C-alpha atoms as a PDB file:
ATOM      1  CA  UNK A   1    -150.284 113.147  49.522  1.00  0.00           C
ATOM      2  CA  UNK A   2    -152.593 113.014  52.529  1.00  0.00           C
ATOM      3  CA  UNK A   3    -156.321 112.579  52.198  1.00  0.00           C
ATOM      4  CA  UNK A   4    -159.537 111.467  53.850  1.00  0.00           C
ATOM      5  CA  UNK A   5    -161.424 108.721  52.071  1.00  0.00           C
ATOM      6  CA  UNK A   6    -165.214 108.761  52.254  1.00  0.00           C
ATOM      7  CA  UNK A   7    -168.314 107.394  50.568  1.00  0.00           C
ATOM      8  CA  UNK A   8    -169.257 110.358  48.401  1.00  0.00           C
ATOM      9  CA  UNK A   9    -172.733 109.100  47.562  1.00  0.00           C
ATOM     10  CA  UNK A  10    -173.610 108.414  51.176  1.00  0.00           C
ATOM     11  CA  UNK A  11    -172.174 111.696  52.483  1.00  0.00           C
ATOM     12  CA  UNK A  12    -173.748 113.880  49.802  1.00  0.00           C
ATOM     13  CA  UNK A  13    -177.148 112.160  50.086  1.00  0.00           C
ATOM     14  CA  UNK A  14    -177.253 112.237  53.888  1.00  0.00           C
ATOM     15  CA  UNK A  15    -176.224 115.885  53.977  1.00  0.00           C
ATOM     16  CA  UNK A  16    -178.933 116.786  51.484  1.00  0.00           C
ATOM     17  CA  UNK A  17    -181.604 114.826  53.365  1.00  0.00           C
ATOM     18  CA  UNK A  18    -180.613 116.260  56.764  1.00  0.00           C
ATOM     19  CA  UNK A  19    -179.925 119.882  55.851  1.00  0.00           C
ATOM     20  CA  UNK A  20    -180.965 120.502  52.259  1.00  0.00           C
ATOM     21  CA  UNK A  21    -177.362 121.323  51.309  1.00  0.00           C
ATOM     22  CA  UNK A  22    -176.603 120.106  47.788  1.00  0.00           C
ATOM     23  CA  UNK A  23    -172.892 119.445  48.139  1.00  0.00           C
ATOM     24  CA  UNK A  24    -172.585 118.195  44.575  1.00  0.00           C
ATOM     25  CA  UNK A  25    -173.770 121.568  43.289  1.00  0.00           C
ATOM     26  CA  UNK A  26    -171.464 123.428  45.685  1.00  0.00           C
ATOM     27  CA  UNK A  27    -168.513 121.297  44.613  1.00  0.00           C
ATOM     28  CA  UNK A  28    -169.165 121.609  40.896  1.00  0.00           C
ATOM     29  CA  UNK A  29    -169.891 125.347  41.118  1.00  0.00           C
ATOM     30  CA  UNK A  30    -166.653 126.015  43.005  1.00  0.00           C
ATOM     31  CA  UNK A  31    -164.644 123.929  40.555  1.00  0.00           C
ATOM     32  CA  UNK A  32    -166.222 125.575  37.529  1.00  0.00           C
ATOM     33  CA  UNK A  33    -165.792 129.120  38.837  1.00  0.00           C
ATOM     34  CA  UNK A  34    -162.127 128.543  39.697  1.00  0.00           C
ATOM     35  CA  UNK A  35    -161.446 127.038  36.274  1.00  0.00           C
ATOM     36  CA  UNK A  36    -163.151 129.955  34.513  1.00  0.00           C
ATOM     37  CA  UNK A  37    -161.080 132.380  36.586  1.00  0.00           C
ATOM     38  CA  UNK A  38    -157.879 130.541  35.698  1.00  0.00           C
ATOM     39  CA  UNK A  39    -158.749 130.420  32.005  1.00  0.00           C
ATOM     40  CA  UNK A  40    -159.476 134.156  32.014  1.00  0.00           C
ATOM     41  CA  UNK A  41    -156.129 134.876  33.715  1.00  0.00           C
ATOM     42  CA  UNK A  42    -154.007 132.266  31.880  1.00  0.00           C
ATOM     43  CA  UNK A  43    -153.259 130.336  35.088  1.00  0.00           C
ATOM     44  CA  UNK A  44    -152.396 126.622  35.158  1.00  0.00           C
ATOM     45  CA  UNK A  45    -155.186 124.933  37.131  1.00  0.00           C
ATOM     46  CA  UNK A  46    -154.822 121.188  36.492  1.00  0.00           C
ATOM     47  CA  UNK A  47    -153.340 120.256  39.901  1.00  0.00           C
ATOM     48  CA  UNK A  48    -156.273 122.016  41.585  1.00  0.00           C
ATOM     49  CA  UNK A  49    -158.774 120.430  39.195  1.00  0.00           C
ATOM     50  CA  UNK A  50    -157.406 116.957  39.942  1.00  0.00           C
ATOM     51  CA  UNK A  51    -157.841 117.519  43.677  1.00  0.00           C
ATOM     52  CA  UNK A  52    -161.430 118.708  43.158  1.00  0.00           C
ATOM     53  CA  UNK A  53    -162.165 115.673  40.982  1.00  0.00           C
ATOM     54  CA  UNK A  54    -160.893 113.526  43.850  1.00  0.00           C
ATOM     55  CA  UNK A  55    -163.934 114.639  45.835  1.00  0.00           C
ATOM     56  CA  UNK A  56    -166.180 112.981  43.261  1.00  0.00           C
ATOM     57  CA  UNK A  57    -164.219 109.753  43.770  1.00  0.00           C
ATOM     58  CA  UNK A  58    -164.492 109.992  47.573  1.00  0.00           C
ATOM     59  CA  UNK A  59    -161.100 111.525  48.365  1.00  0.00           C
ATOM     60  CA  UNK A  60    -160.662 114.823  50.177  1.00  0.00           C
ATOM     61  CA  UNK A  61    -157.044 115.870  49.759  1.00  0.00           C
ATOM     62  CA  UNK A  62    -155.657 117.936  52.624  1.00  0.00           C
ATOM     63  CA  UNK A  63    -153.775 120.265  50.271  1.00  0.00           C
ATOM     64  CA  UNK A  64    -156.876 121.267  48.279  1.00  0.00           C
ATOM     65  CA  UNK A  65    -157.125 124.685  49.898  1.00  0.00           C
ATOM     66  CA  UNK A  66    -153.399 125.422  49.651  1.00  0.00           C
ATOM     67  CA  UNK A  67    -153.544 124.570  45.930  1.00  0.00           C
ATOM     68  CA  UNK A  68    -156.446 126.991  45.562  1.00  0.00           C
ATOM     69  CA  UNK A  69    -154.429 129.693  47.325  1.00  0.00           C
ATOM     70  CA  UNK A  70    -151.555 129.223  44.869  1.00  0.00           C
ATOM     71  CA  UNK A  71    -153.884 130.256  42.037  1.00  0.00           C
ATOM     72  CA  UNK A  72    -154.250 133.817  43.329  1.00  0.00           C
ATOM     73  CA  UNK A  73    -158.020 133.571  43.599  1.00  0.00           C
ATOM     74  CA  UNK A  74    -160.287 136.241  45.019  1.00  0.00           C
ATOM     75  CA  UNK A  75    -161.404 135.821  48.628  1.00  0.00           C
ATOM     76  CA  UNK A  76    -164.884 134.966  47.345  1.00  0.00           C
ATOM     77  CA  UNK A  77    -163.586 132.035  45.285  1.00  0.00           C
ATOM     78  CA  UNK A  78    -161.295 130.888  48.077  1.00  0.00           C
ATOM     79  CA  UNK A  79    -164.261 130.854  50.446  1.00  0.00           C
ATOM     80  CA  UNK A  80    -166.246 128.657  48.044  1.00  0.00           C
ATOM     81  CA  UNK A  81    -163.404 126.125  47.932  1.00  0.00           C
ATOM     82  CA  UNK A  82    -163.010 126.336  51.706  1.00  0.00           C
ATOM     83  CA  UNK A  83    -166.736 125.817  52.212  1.00  0.00           C
ATOM     84  CA  UNK A  84    -166.703 122.578  50.201  1.00  0.00           C
ATOM     85  CA  UNK A  85    -163.542 121.373  51.962  1.00  0.00           C
ATOM     86  CA  UNK A  86    -164.830 122.280  55.414  1.00  0.00           C
ATOM     87  CA  UNK A  87    -168.239 120.644  54.993  1.00  0.00           C
ATOM     88  CA  UNK A  88    -166.745 117.366  53.779  1.00  0.00           C
ATOM     89  CA  UNK A  89    -163.966 117.333  56.378  1.00  0.00           C
ATOM     90  CA  UNK A  90    -166.358 117.998  59.259  1.00  0.00           C
ATOM     91  CA  UNK A  91    -168.944 115.466  58.068  1.00  0.00           C
ATOM     92  CA  UNK A  92    -166.309 112.740  57.666  1.00  0.00           C
ATOM     93  CA  UNK A  93    -164.772 113.463  61.080  1.00  0.00           C
ATOM     94  CA  UNK A  94    -168.223 113.516  62.699  1.00  0.00           C
ATOM     95  CA  UNK A  95    -169.108 110.159  61.142  1.00  0.00           C
ATOM     96  CA  UNK A  96    -165.799 108.695  62.327  1.00  0.00           C
ATOM     97  CA  UNK A  97    -166.410 109.931  65.868  1.00  0.00           C
ATOM     98  CA  UNK A  98    -169.934 108.529  65.915  1.00  0.00           C
ATOM     99  CA  UNK A  99    -168.731 105.171  64.631  1.00  0.00           C
ATOM    100  CA  UNK A 100    -166.159 104.915  67.431  1.00  0.00           C
ATOM    101  CA  UNK A 101    -168.843 105.091  70.131  1.00  0.00           C
END
């Protein structure tokens, strides 16, 4: 399984201080809404939930979005998962690029 490792506390705090985006709330809201959807539709969600929990441990798994797609979510829910994934991915890649210079 491929992933990006990052310092969750540092990334979430810096993002909040620089832009006011509360990534913890976005992450937890997306996770909660997907789980509620899956419970309502009797869909197995544990692989997705494990990948979302990885974010809280500082791991962004590359297959997070594809796992979300497998659940048959609405476009609105998929966009929430994508938003979390995209913000973290871009922030980590930006930090890596800045550290190389």
